[in-house]
Protein backbone atom coordinates (compact mmCIF):
# COMPACT_ATOMS: atom_id res chain seq x y z
CA UNK A 1 -12.73 31.11 1.05
CA UNK A 2 -10.97 31.21 4.28
CA UNK A 3 -13.23 28.39 5.99
CA UNK A 4 -12.04 26.48 3.75
CA UNK A 5 -9.68 24.45 5.31
CA UNK A 6 -9.43 20.58 4.13
CA UNK A 7 -9.51 18.94 0.94
CA UNK A 8 -12.81 17.47 1.74
CA UNK A 9 -14.37 21.13 2.34
CA UNK A 10 -13.00 22.06 -1.20
CA UNK A 11 -13.94 18.97 -3.03
CA UNK A 12 -17.91 19.76 -1.34
CA UNK A 13 -17.89 22.75 -2.12
CA UNK A 14 -17.25 22.87 -5.64
CA UNK A 15 -19.86 20.72 -6.26
CA UNK A 16 -17.61 17.27 -6.63
CA UNK A 17 -18.12 13.57 -5.37
CA UNK A 18 -14.77 11.57 -4.17
CA UNK A 19 -13.42 8.19 -3.16
CA UNK A 20 -9.78 8.31 -1.21
CA UNK A 21 -7.49 6.25 -2.12
CA UNK A 22 -4.39 5.02 0.79
CA UNK A 23 -1.08 4.97 -2.04
CA UNK A 24 1.91 4.20 0.58
CA UNK A 25 1.99 0.90 1.45
CA UNK A 26 -1.19 -0.74 -0.04
CA UNK A 27 -3.38 0.62 -2.26
CA UNK A 28 -6.68 0.70 -0.34
CA UNK A 29 -9.83 2.67 0.06
CA UNK A 30 -10.27 5.09 2.81
CA UNK A 31 -13.77 5.61 3.70
CA UNK A 32 -15.21 9.16 4.32
CA UNK A 33 -15.50 9.26 7.61
CA UNK A 34 -11.75 8.01 8.35
CA UNK A 35 -10.58 10.27 5.57
CA UNK A 36 -12.60 13.62 7.04
CA UNK A 37 -10.75 12.71 10.89
CA UNK A 38 -7.12 12.46 9.54
CA UNK A 39 -7.94 15.58 7.53
CA UNK A 40 -9.17 17.28 10.86
CA UNK A 41 -6.10 16.48 12.65
CA UNK A 42 -8.47 13.66 14.87
CA UNK A 43 -6.70 10.68 13.65
CA UNK A 44 -3.68 9.97 12.90
CA UNK A 45 -2.71 8.49 9.28
CA UNK A 46 -3.15 4.30 9.53
CA UNK A 47 -0.46 3.84 6.87
CA UNK A 48 2.70 6.41 7.15
CA UNK A 49 5.43 5.73 4.95
CA UNK A 50 8.97 7.44 5.72
CA UNK A 51 6.95 10.15 6.94
CA UNK A 52 4.38 10.99 4.68
CA UNK A 53 0.38 10.50 3.56
CA UNK A 54 0.88 9.19 0.21
CA UNK A 55 -3.28 9.02 -1.20
CA UNK A 56 -4.95 9.22 -4.29
CA UNK A 57 -8.19 11.73 -4.61
CA UNK A 58 -10.78 10.40 -7.17
CA UNK A 59 -13.37 12.79 -8.11
CA UNK A 60 -16.08 14.14 -10.29
CA UNK A 61 -18.82 16.62 -10.72
CA UNK A 62 -22.13 16.17 -12.78
CA UNK A 63 -20.60 16.29 -16.13
CA UNK A 64 -19.29 12.89 -14.74
CA UNK A 65 -15.95 13.89 -15.97
CA UNK A 66 -13.52 12.51 -13.65
CA UNK A 67 -10.31 13.87 -11.52
CA UNK A 68 -7.10 12.24 -10.26
CA UNK A 69 -4.87 13.76 -7.60
CA UNK A 70 -1.66 11.68 -6.49
CA UNK A 71 -0.71 13.52 -3.02
CA UNK A 72 1.90 13.59 -0.75
CA UNK A 73 1.94 15.04 2.25
CA UNK A 74 4.38 15.47 5.45
CA UNK A 75 3.37 13.97 8.43
CA UNK A 76 3.75 15.35 12.35
CA UNK A 77 5.68 13.17 14.85
CA UNK A 78 2.09 11.75 16.14
CA UNK A 79 1.18 10.76 12.84
CA UNK A 80 -1.12 13.79 12.11
CA UNK A 81 -0.79 15.78 8.70
CA UNK A 82 1.35 18.51 9.07
CA UNK A 83 -1.30 21.78 9.54
CA UNK A 84 1.58 24.27 7.36
CA UNK A 85 2.02 21.93 4.25
CA UNK A 86 -1.86 20.89 3.87
CA UNK A 87 -2.68 24.96 4.18
CA UNK A 88 -0.08 25.57 1.63
CA UNK A 89 -1.83 23.20 -0.91
CA UNK A 90 -5.15 23.90 -0.39
CA UNK A 91 -4.14 27.52 -0.80
CA UNK A 92 -2.71 26.64 -3.89
CA UNK A 93 -5.21 24.97 -5.45
CA UNK A 94 -8.07 27.74 -4.73
CA UNK A 95 -5.31 29.80 -6.59
CA UNK A 96 -5.10 27.37 -9.42
CA UNK A 97 -8.53 26.35 -9.69
CA UNK A 98 -9.80 30.30 -9.61
CA UNK A 99 -11.93 32.37 -6.77
CA UNK A 100 -14.49 30.12 -6.49
CA UNK A 101 -14.59 26.59 -5.61
CA UNK A 102 -17.91 25.67 -7.09
CA UNK A 103 -16.40 25.94 -10.72
CA UNK A 104 -16.12 23.12 -12.95
CA UNK A 105 -13.01 21.47 -12.74
CA UNK A 106 -11.44 21.71 -16.02
CA UNK A 107 -8.75 19.97 -17.94
CA UNK A 108 -6.69 22.84 -18.28
CA UNK A 109 -7.05 23.90 -14.62
CA UNK A 110 -5.96 20.67 -13.83
CA UNK A 111 -2.91 20.94 -15.63
CA UNK A 112 -2.19 23.87 -13.70
CA UNK A 113 -1.82 21.62 -11.12
CA UNK A 114 -0.19 18.68 -12.68
CA UNK A 115 3.20 19.60 -11.09
CA UNK A 116 2.79 20.81 -7.80
CA UNK A 117 5.49 20.07 -4.91
CA UNK A 118 3.14 17.91 -3.43
CA UNK A 119 2.77 15.18 -5.73
CA UNK A 120 4.24 11.70 -6.72
CA UNK A 121 3.89 9.50 -9.20
CA UNK A 122 3.05 5.71 -7.77
CA UNK A 123 4.48 2.70 -9.72
CA UNK A 124 3.11 0.44 -12.62
CA UNK A 125 1.71 -1.91 -10.14
CA UNK A 126 0.41 0.42 -8.08
CA UNK A 127 -1.48 2.30 -10.80
CA UNK A 128 -2.79 -1.04 -12.93
CA UNK A 129 -4.49 -2.07 -9.62
CA UNK A 130 -5.68 1.60 -8.52
CA UNK A 131 -7.36 1.62 -11.75
CA UNK A 132 -8.37 -2.06 -11.51
CA UNK A 133 -10.41 -0.82 -8.01
CA UNK A 134 -11.52 2.66 -9.03
CA UNK A 135 -13.25 1.09 -12.26
CA UNK A 136 -14.80 -1.14 -10.32
CA UNK A 137 -16.34 0.97 -7.61
CA UNK A 138 -17.40 3.02 -9.95
CA UNK A 139 -19.26 0.68 -12.13
CA UNK A 140 -17.05 0.88 -14.49
CA UNK A 141 -15.87 -1.18 -16.89
CA UNK A 142 -12.25 -2.93 -16.79
CA UNK A 143 -9.74 -1.84 -19.04
CA UNK A 144 -9.44 -2.92 -22.88
CA UNK A 145 -6.43 -5.37 -21.56
CA UNK A 146 -8.84 -7.12 -19.41
CA UNK A 147 -9.77 -9.46 -22.15
CA UNK A 148 -6.08 -10.58 -23.37
CA UNK A 149 -4.90 -11.17 -19.70
CA UNK A 150 -8.60 -13.39 -19.78
CA UNK A 151 -8.07 -15.41 -22.69
CA UNK A 152 -4.16 -15.74 -21.62
CA UNK A 153 -4.52 -17.31 -18.39
CA UNK A 154 -7.84 -19.06 -19.70
CA UNK A 155 -5.22 -20.89 -21.78
CA UNK A 156 -6.76 -19.79 -24.88
CA UNK A 157 -3.20 -18.23 -26.02
CA UNK A 158 0.26 -20.17 -25.76
CA UNK A 159 2.56 -19.60 -22.48
CA UNK A 160 5.11 -18.34 -24.81
CA UNK A 161 2.84 -15.07 -25.22
CA UNK A 162 3.30 -13.61 -21.47
CA UNK A 163 4.86 -10.54 -23.07
CA UNK A 164 1.73 -9.41 -24.64
CA UNK A 165 -0.45 -9.51 -21.17
CA UNK A 166 -0.68 -6.18 -19.68
CA UNK A 167 -0.39 -5.36 -16.06
CA UNK A 168 -3.45 -3.78 -16.44
CA UNK A 169 -5.58 -6.14 -17.48
CA UNK A 170 -3.98 -8.85 -14.58
CA UNK A 171 -5.28 -5.88 -12.44
CA UNK A 172 -8.91 -6.25 -13.90
CA UNK A 173 -8.83 -9.87 -13.34
CA UNK A 174 -7.43 -9.53 -9.80
CA UNK A 175 -10.19 -7.11 -8.50
CA UNK A 176 -12.14 -10.02 -9.51
CA UNK A 177 -11.24 -12.53 -8.05
CA UNK A 178 -14.19 -13.02 -5.68
CA UNK A 179 -16.28 -14.07 -8.70
CA UNK A 180 -15.60 -18.08 -9.45
CA UNK A 181 -14.19 -18.06 -12.42
CA UNK A 182 -11.53 -14.89 -12.18
CA UNK A 183 -10.40 -16.89 -9.07
CA UNK A 184 -10.09 -20.36 -10.94
CA UNK A 185 -7.67 -18.21 -13.19
CA UNK A 186 -5.66 -16.59 -10.74
CA UNK A 187 -5.30 -20.37 -9.14
CA UNK A 188 -4.18 -21.70 -12.47
CA UNK A 189 -1.94 -19.10 -13.08
CA UNK A 190 -0.30 -18.95 -10.13
CA UNK A 191 0.52 -22.96 -10.56
CA UNK A 192 0.78 -22.94 -14.41
CA UNK A 193 2.17 -19.42 -15.62
CA UNK A 194 5.76 -18.58 -16.73
CA UNK A 195 7.06 -16.93 -13.44
CA UNK A 196 6.78 -13.26 -14.94
CA UNK A 197 3.21 -13.72 -14.68
CA UNK A 198 3.43 -15.23 -11.42
CA UNK A 199 5.09 -12.00 -9.79
CA UNK A 200 2.56 -9.59 -11.78
CA UNK A 201 -0.35 -11.67 -10.20
CA UNK A 202 1.27 -11.61 -6.88
CA UNK A 203 2.29 -7.33 -7.04
CA UNK A 204 -2.04 -7.16 -7.66
CA UNK A 205 -2.67 -9.34 -5.03
CA UNK A 206 -0.99 -7.49 -2.31
CA UNK A 207 -2.78 -4.82 -2.09
CA UNK A 208 -5.74 -7.37 -2.07
CA UNK A 209 -8.13 -9.50 0.05
CA UNK A 210 -8.79 -13.08 -1.47
CA UNK A 211 -10.14 -16.53 -0.93
CA UNK A 212 -8.50 -18.49 1.01
CA UNK A 213 -7.51 -21.29 -0.85
CA UNK A 214 -5.03 -18.93 -3.07
CA UNK A 215 -3.47 -17.73 0.14
CA UNK A 216 -2.80 -21.55 1.24
CA UNK A 217 -1.48 -21.97 -2.58
CA UNK A 218 1.10 -18.94 -2.05
CA UNK A 219 2.03 -19.89 1.64
CA UNK A 220 2.58 -23.72 0.14
CA UNK A 221 4.63 -22.17 -2.88
CA UNK A 222 6.70 -19.75 -0.62
CA UNK A 223 7.56 -24.00 1.47
CA UNK A 224 7.60 -25.87 -1.24
CA UNK A 225 9.51 -23.66 -3.80
CA UNK A 226 13.12 -22.23 -3.53
CA UNK A 227 13.53 -19.26 -5.89
CA UNK A 228 13.64 -15.77 -6.00
CA UNK A 229 9.80 -15.60 -6.51
CA UNK A 230 8.76 -16.47 -3.20
CA UNK A 231 9.29 -12.48 -1.67
CA UNK A 232 6.65 -11.66 -4.12
CA UNK A 233 4.51 -14.19 -2.60
CA UNK A 234 4.81 -13.05 1.25
CA UNK A 235 3.81 -9.67 -0.11
CA UNK A 236 1.15 -11.36 -1.87
CA UNK A 237 0.17 -12.70 1.59
CA UNK A 238 -0.08 -8.97 3.57
CA UNK A 239 -3.96 -9.77 3.85
CA UNK A 240 -3.18 -13.02 5.73
CA UNK A 241 -1.49 -12.19 8.53
CA UNK A 242 -1.45 -15.89 9.84
CA UNK A 243 -0.16 -16.88 6.97
CA UNK A 244 2.09 -14.57 6.69
CA UNK A 245 3.76 -15.55 10.41
CA UNK A 246 3.77 -18.92 9.06
CA UNK A 247 6.04 -18.09 6.01
CA UNK A 248 8.48 -15.71 8.13
CA UNK A 249 8.72 -18.83 10.92
CA UNK A 250 9.53 -21.21 7.76
CA UNK A 251 12.64 -18.92 7.42
CA UNK A 252 13.37 -18.11 10.48
CA UNK A 253 13.86 -21.86 11.01
CA UNK A 254 16.00 -21.59 7.90
CA UNK A 255 17.88 -18.88 9.25
CA UNK A 256 17.00 -17.15 6.36
CA UNK A 257 15.27 -13.65 7.91
CA UNK A 258 17.84 -11.64 5.21
CA UNK A 259 17.57 -8.36 5.34
CA UNK A 260 15.37 -8.09 1.93
CA UNK A 261 12.80 -9.87 3.89
CA UNK A 262 13.09 -8.05 6.91
CA UNK A 263 12.33 -4.69 4.88
CA UNK A 264 9.29 -6.44 2.76
CA UNK A 265 8.19 -7.44 6.39
CA UNK A 266 8.38 -3.53 7.47
CA UNK A 267 7.01 -2.06 3.77
CA UNK A 268 3.94 -4.97 3.55
CA UNK A 269 3.29 -7.52 6.20
CA UNK A 270 3.60 -5.03 8.85
CA UNK A 271 0.37 -6.42 10.19
CA UNK A 272 2.06 -9.67 11.51
CA UNK A 273 4.54 -7.75 13.91
CA UNK A 274 1.02 -7.48 16.12
CA UNK A 275 1.78 -10.92 17.52
CA UNK A 276 4.06 -10.37 20.41
CA UNK A 277 6.02 -13.52 19.54
CA UNK A 278 6.51 -12.45 16.08
CA UNK A 279 7.86 -8.59 17.74
CA UNK A 280 10.50 -10.17 19.67
CA UNK A 281 11.93 -12.61 16.84
CA UNK A 282 12.03 -9.50 14.01
CA UNK A 283 13.26 -7.63 16.01
CA UNK A 284 16.11 -10.05 16.90
CA UNK A 285 16.48 -10.98 13.66
CA UNK A 286 17.01 -7.39 12.87
CA UNK A 287 19.23 -6.36 15.40
CA UNK A 288 21.83 -9.24 14.02
CA UNK A 289 22.29 -6.86 10.36
CA UNK A 290 24.02 -3.53 10.67
CA UNK A 291 22.39 -1.18 12.84
CA UNK A 292 21.78 1.52 10.17
CA UNK A 293 19.21 -1.52 8.59
CA UNK A 294 18.22 -1.64 12.76
CA UNK A 295 17.35 2.24 13.04
CA UNK A 296 15.87 2.70 9.96
CA UNK A 297 13.42 -0.23 10.30
CA UNK A 298 12.61 0.48 13.50
CA UNK A 299 11.96 3.91 13.38
CA UNK A 300 9.36 3.70 9.91
CA UNK A 301 7.40 0.60 12.05
CA UNK A 302 6.98 3.08 15.26
CA UNK A 303 5.61 5.61 12.81
CA UNK A 304 2.44 2.99 12.13
CA UNK A 305 -0.46 3.82 14.43
CA UNK A 306 -1.35 0.29 15.28
CA UNK A 307 2.00 -0.63 16.21
CA UNK A 308 3.61 2.20 18.07
CA UNK A 309 3.26 1.02 21.64
CA UNK A 310 3.50 -2.27 21.12
CA UNK A 311 6.81 -1.58 19.65
CA UNK A 312 7.75 1.04 21.89
CA UNK A 313 7.15 -1.27 24.75
CA UNK A 314 9.52 -3.65 23.65
CA UNK A 315 12.36 -1.11 24.33
CA UNK A 316 11.17 -1.40 27.94
CA UNK A 317 11.39 -5.49 27.73
CA UNK A 318 13.96 -6.73 30.51
CA UNK A 319 13.94 -10.23 28.62
CA UNK A 320 15.13 -8.61 25.58
CA UNK A 321 18.51 -10.76 24.29
CA UNK A 322 21.79 -8.54 24.35
CA UNK A 323 22.51 -8.24 20.70
CA UNK A 324 18.94 -6.33 21.36
CA UNK A 325 19.95 -3.99 23.78
CA UNK A 326 23.05 -3.51 22.29
CA UNK A 327 20.72 -2.74 18.71
CA UNK A 328 18.99 -0.30 20.75
CA UNK A 329 21.29 1.64 22.31
CA UNK A 330 22.86 2.56 18.81
CA UNK A 331 18.69 3.29 18.19
CA UNK A 332 18.83 5.92 21.15
CA UNK A 333 22.23 7.25 20.35
CA UNK A 334 20.89 8.23 16.82
CA UNK A 335 17.49 9.36 17.61
CA UNK A 336 15.51 11.02 20.05
CA UNK A 337 13.29 8.11 20.85
């Protein structure tokens, strides 16, 4: 028992198969090899959020009964899983599930772990897309809401009936976007459906990769439609950093890089900041706002492994603006960077 040091070991020794999903920034599948390196503390967590790794473990045994744990574990300064909390959780689940990790996991045993200090509840949007992705990966049928959403987007029901369309059904359609019929439904939905349905589609698409025609439709809407829903369209471009950059440049030229947009870039569209031009533009725009916002978003972004060396290099850029220099000075006063 003392040799069990990772969740992967515990589940494997218990005879369980499992999948891992990132649940913090974007709902994404984490392959087994990557998760093994993360658990071995050989790889930083790829998408940290507020100093934590947020992920889901979906596991099952020979009975094919499926269980889900939503876990939120703290990270250290290098973005690695903090050993002490991880060890505490593993010890806790071993105690809750009995002396043998090979026993069959029952519903009663799951209930013992339902309210542990490392659990969290994802937002409804993330839960919907997570459920749709898991069903698809496990070759299970879509939810009961799927057909109703399909019929609505296919205009077999009136637009005014959008309140009867469940978010889970829309998520089921979105994860099947590589199918031509589903892609056409989404294209039509983003063009013709009421704004509430368009927002729901975007909330699902922000976690997925999808056809370029759909991405270009979203960008065209951002450029040509000035309304509150553009923030959702922009989030939906998370898998298209080049198109997201065009949207950012559009807002920059119109002097519309608001705090909400800057927060959205940090939360969902952070991959755009791998572009050197956009790094400077973003930091300059951020420096125009309150110091607290600059500090908060810079610290959040510099924790992302792919961005950390790039942003730290910008701190040493001798050509930065006076305003950015002042903001960086305020950052150093408030932090240990």
